[in-house]
């Protein structure tokens, strides 16, 4: 049950809000619940580390700040 506690929405505004709530509930019901969600590739920390790690060696510490 949804209750309006503040304001005076028009019937059209109330219908729009309920449509959004129903759409979100339907999407959540269809989502697989057994497996955890897979993170997006852009959020993978290894993507950044692949490009910015200095080459190993005796002077690697000096290349940790300045790309080069």
N, C-alpha and C. Protein backbone atom coordinates (compact mmCIF):
# COMPACT_ATOMS: atom_id res chain seq x y z
N UNK A 1 0.84 -1.17 0.00
CA UNK A 1 0.00 0.00 0.00
C UNK A 1 0.88 1.24 0.00
N UNK A 2 0.52 2.20 -0.77
CA UNK A 2 1.25 3.46 -0.86
C UNK A 2 0.36 4.57 -0.32
N UNK A 3 0.97 5.41 0.52
CA UNK A 3 0.22 6.49 1.16
C UNK A 3 0.93 7.80 0.90
N UNK A 4 0.22 8.80 0.47
CA UNK A 4 0.77 10.14 0.28
C UNK A 4 0.72 10.84 1.62
N UNK A 5 1.91 11.22 2.13
CA UNK A 5 1.96 11.84 3.45
C UNK A 5 2.13 13.35 3.38
N UNK A 6 2.53 13.87 2.22
CA UNK A 6 2.72 15.32 2.11
C UNK A 6 2.40 15.73 0.68
N UNK A 7 1.77 16.84 0.54
CA UNK A 7 1.45 17.35 -0.79
C UNK A 7 0.08 16.87 -1.26
N UNK A 8 -0.27 17.31 -2.44
CA UNK A 8 -1.55 16.95 -3.01
C UNK A 8 -1.33 16.63 -4.50
N UNK A 9 -0.88 15.38 -4.81
CA UNK A 9 -0.58 15.06 -6.21
C UNK A 9 -1.86 14.96 -7.03
N UNK A 10 -1.73 15.30 -8.30
CA UNK A 10 -2.85 15.12 -9.22
C UNK A 10 -2.97 13.64 -9.54
N UNK A 11 -4.10 13.21 -10.04
CA UNK A 11 -4.22 11.79 -10.41
C UNK A 11 -3.18 11.35 -11.43
N UNK A 12 -2.79 12.25 -12.34
CA UNK A 12 -1.78 11.91 -13.33
C UNK A 12 -0.41 11.72 -12.68
N UNK A 13 -0.06 12.60 -11.73
CA UNK A 13 1.22 12.47 -11.03
C UNK A 13 1.26 11.19 -10.21
N UNK A 14 0.17 10.88 -9.55
CA UNK A 14 0.11 9.66 -8.75
C UNK A 14 0.21 8.43 -9.64
N UNK A 15 -0.45 8.44 -10.79
CA UNK A 15 -0.37 7.31 -11.71
C UNK A 15 1.05 7.14 -12.25
N UNK A 16 1.74 8.23 -12.54
CA UNK A 16 3.11 8.15 -13.02
C UNK A 16 4.03 7.57 -11.95
N UNK A 17 3.87 8.00 -10.72
CA UNK A 17 4.70 7.47 -9.64
C UNK A 17 4.44 5.98 -9.43
N UNK A 18 3.19 5.58 -9.48
CA UNK A 18 2.87 4.16 -9.30
C UNK A 18 3.39 3.33 -10.46
N UNK A 19 3.39 3.87 -11.67
CA UNK A 19 3.92 3.14 -12.82
C UNK A 19 5.42 2.89 -12.65
N UNK A 20 6.13 3.87 -12.13
CA UNK A 20 7.57 3.70 -11.89
C UNK A 20 7.81 2.64 -10.83
N UNK A 21 7.05 2.67 -9.76
CA UNK A 21 7.21 1.69 -8.68
C UNK A 21 6.90 0.28 -9.20
N UNK A 22 5.86 0.13 -9.99
CA UNK A 22 5.51 -1.18 -10.53
C UNK A 22 6.57 -1.68 -11.51
N UNK A 23 7.12 -0.79 -12.32
CA UNK A 23 8.15 -1.21 -13.27
C UNK A 23 9.41 -1.66 -12.54
N UNK A 24 9.79 -0.95 -11.49
CA UNK A 24 10.97 -1.36 -10.71
C UNK A 24 10.74 -2.68 -10.02
N UNK A 25 9.54 -2.89 -9.50
CA UNK A 25 9.23 -4.16 -8.84
C UNK A 25 9.24 -5.31 -9.83
N UNK A 26 8.73 -5.09 -11.03
CA UNK A 26 8.73 -6.14 -12.05
C UNK A 26 10.16 -6.47 -12.49
N UNK A 27 11.01 -5.45 -12.63
CA UNK A 27 12.40 -5.69 -13.02
C UNK A 27 13.15 -6.45 -11.93
N UNK A 28 12.88 -6.13 -10.68
CA UNK A 28 13.54 -6.82 -9.58
C UNK A 28 13.07 -8.27 -9.48
N UNK A 29 11.82 -8.52 -9.81
CA UNK A 29 11.30 -9.88 -9.75
C UNK A 29 11.89 -10.75 -10.85
N UNK A 30 12.24 -10.16 -11.99
CA UNK A 30 12.79 -10.93 -13.10
C UNK A 30 14.30 -11.15 -12.99
N UNK A 31 14.97 -10.40 -12.15
CA UNK A 31 16.42 -10.53 -12.00
C UNK A 31 16.75 -11.86 -11.35
N UNK A 32 17.81 -12.52 -11.81
CA UNK A 32 18.20 -13.79 -11.18
C UNK A 32 18.69 -13.54 -9.76
N UNK A 33 18.16 -14.31 -8.83
CA UNK A 33 18.49 -14.06 -7.43
C UNK A 33 19.60 -14.96 -6.91
N UNK A 34 19.97 -16.00 -7.64
CA UNK A 34 20.98 -16.94 -7.16
C UNK A 34 22.40 -16.43 -7.32
N UNK A 35 22.71 -15.78 -8.42
CA UNK A 35 24.08 -15.35 -8.68
C UNK A 35 24.25 -13.87 -8.34
N UNK A 36 25.43 -13.52 -7.81
CA UNK A 36 25.67 -12.10 -7.53
C UNK A 36 25.81 -11.34 -8.84
N UNK A 37 25.50 -10.05 -8.86
CA UNK A 37 25.62 -9.27 -10.10
C UNK A 37 27.09 -9.15 -10.53
N UNK A 38 27.31 -9.17 -11.81
CA UNK A 38 28.65 -9.04 -12.36
C UNK A 38 28.98 -7.56 -12.50
N UNK A 39 30.11 -7.12 -11.92
CA UNK A 39 30.45 -5.69 -12.03
C UNK A 39 30.81 -5.33 -13.47
N UNK A 40 30.61 -4.09 -13.79
CA UNK A 40 30.93 -3.61 -15.12
C UNK A 40 32.44 -3.62 -15.34
N UNK A 41 32.86 -3.79 -16.58
CA UNK A 41 34.29 -3.87 -16.89
C UNK A 41 35.00 -2.55 -16.59
N UNK A 42 34.32 -1.42 -16.73
CA UNK A 42 34.98 -0.14 -16.50
C UNK A 42 35.34 0.05 -15.03
N UNK A 43 34.71 -0.68 -14.12
CA UNK A 43 34.99 -0.56 -12.70
C UNK A 43 36.10 -1.50 -12.24
N UNK A 44 36.63 -2.31 -13.13
CA UNK A 44 37.65 -3.29 -12.77
C UNK A 44 38.97 -2.59 -12.48
N UNK A 45 39.53 -2.71 -11.27
CA UNK A 45 40.79 -2.04 -10.96
C UNK A 45 41.95 -2.56 -11.80
N UNK A 46 41.87 -3.79 -12.27
CA UNK A 46 42.95 -4.35 -13.07
C UNK A 46 43.08 -3.62 -14.41
N UNK A 47 42.01 -3.02 -14.88
CA UNK A 47 42.07 -2.28 -16.14
C UNK A 47 43.02 -1.09 -16.01
N UNK A 48 42.98 -0.41 -14.90
CA UNK A 48 43.85 0.74 -14.67
C UNK A 48 45.27 0.27 -14.38
N UNK A 49 45.40 -0.77 -13.60
CA UNK A 49 46.73 -1.24 -13.21
C UNK A 49 47.50 -1.80 -14.40
N UNK A 50 46.83 -2.36 -15.38
CA UNK A 50 47.52 -2.91 -16.55
C UNK A 50 48.29 -1.84 -17.29
N UNK A 51 47.75 -0.65 -17.35
CA UNK A 51 48.35 0.40 -18.14
C UNK A 51 49.34 1.26 -17.37
N UNK A 52 49.28 1.33 -16.08
CA UNK A 52 50.07 2.30 -15.32
C UNK A 52 51.16 1.69 -14.45
N UNK A 53 51.35 0.40 -14.49
CA UNK A 53 52.37 -0.21 -13.65
C UNK A 53 53.74 0.01 -14.27
N UNK A 54 54.75 0.42 -13.49
CA UNK A 54 56.09 0.59 -14.05
C UNK A 54 56.73 -0.77 -14.32
N UNK A 55 57.66 -0.77 -15.25
CA UNK A 55 58.39 -2.01 -15.54
C UNK A 55 59.26 -2.35 -14.34
N UNK A 56 59.35 -3.62 -13.97
CA UNK A 56 60.18 -3.99 -12.83
C UNK A 56 61.66 -3.73 -13.12
N UNK A 57 62.39 -3.43 -12.09
CA UNK A 57 63.83 -3.20 -12.24
C UNK A 57 64.35 -2.36 -11.09
N UNK A 58 65.63 -2.08 -11.14
CA UNK A 58 66.28 -1.35 -10.05
C UNK A 58 65.76 0.07 -9.91
N UNK A 59 65.36 0.72 -11.00
CA UNK A 59 64.91 2.10 -10.96
C UNK A 59 63.39 2.23 -11.02
N UNK A 60 62.67 1.15 -10.78
CA UNK A 60 61.21 1.17 -10.89
C UNK A 60 60.58 2.13 -9.88
N UNK A 61 61.20 2.29 -8.72
CA UNK A 61 60.62 3.18 -7.71
C UNK A 61 60.56 4.63 -8.20
N UNK A 62 61.51 5.01 -9.07
CA UNK A 62 61.52 6.40 -9.54
C UNK A 62 60.48 6.66 -10.62
N UNK A 63 59.91 5.62 -11.19
CA UNK A 63 58.90 5.79 -12.24
C UNK A 63 57.47 5.59 -11.72
N UNK A 64 57.32 5.50 -10.41
CA UNK A 64 55.99 5.27 -9.88
C UNK A 64 55.11 6.51 -9.91
N UNK A 65 55.70 7.69 -9.92
CA UNK A 65 54.89 8.91 -9.93
C UNK A 65 54.72 9.47 -11.35
N UNK A 66 55.77 9.63 -12.07
CA UNK A 66 55.73 10.20 -13.41
C UNK A 66 55.58 9.10 -14.44
N UNK A 67 54.52 9.16 -15.26
CA UNK A 67 54.40 8.14 -16.31
C UNK A 67 55.52 8.30 -17.32
N UNK A 68 55.97 7.18 -17.82
CA UNK A 68 57.05 7.41 -18.72
C UNK A 68 57.46 6.33 -19.55
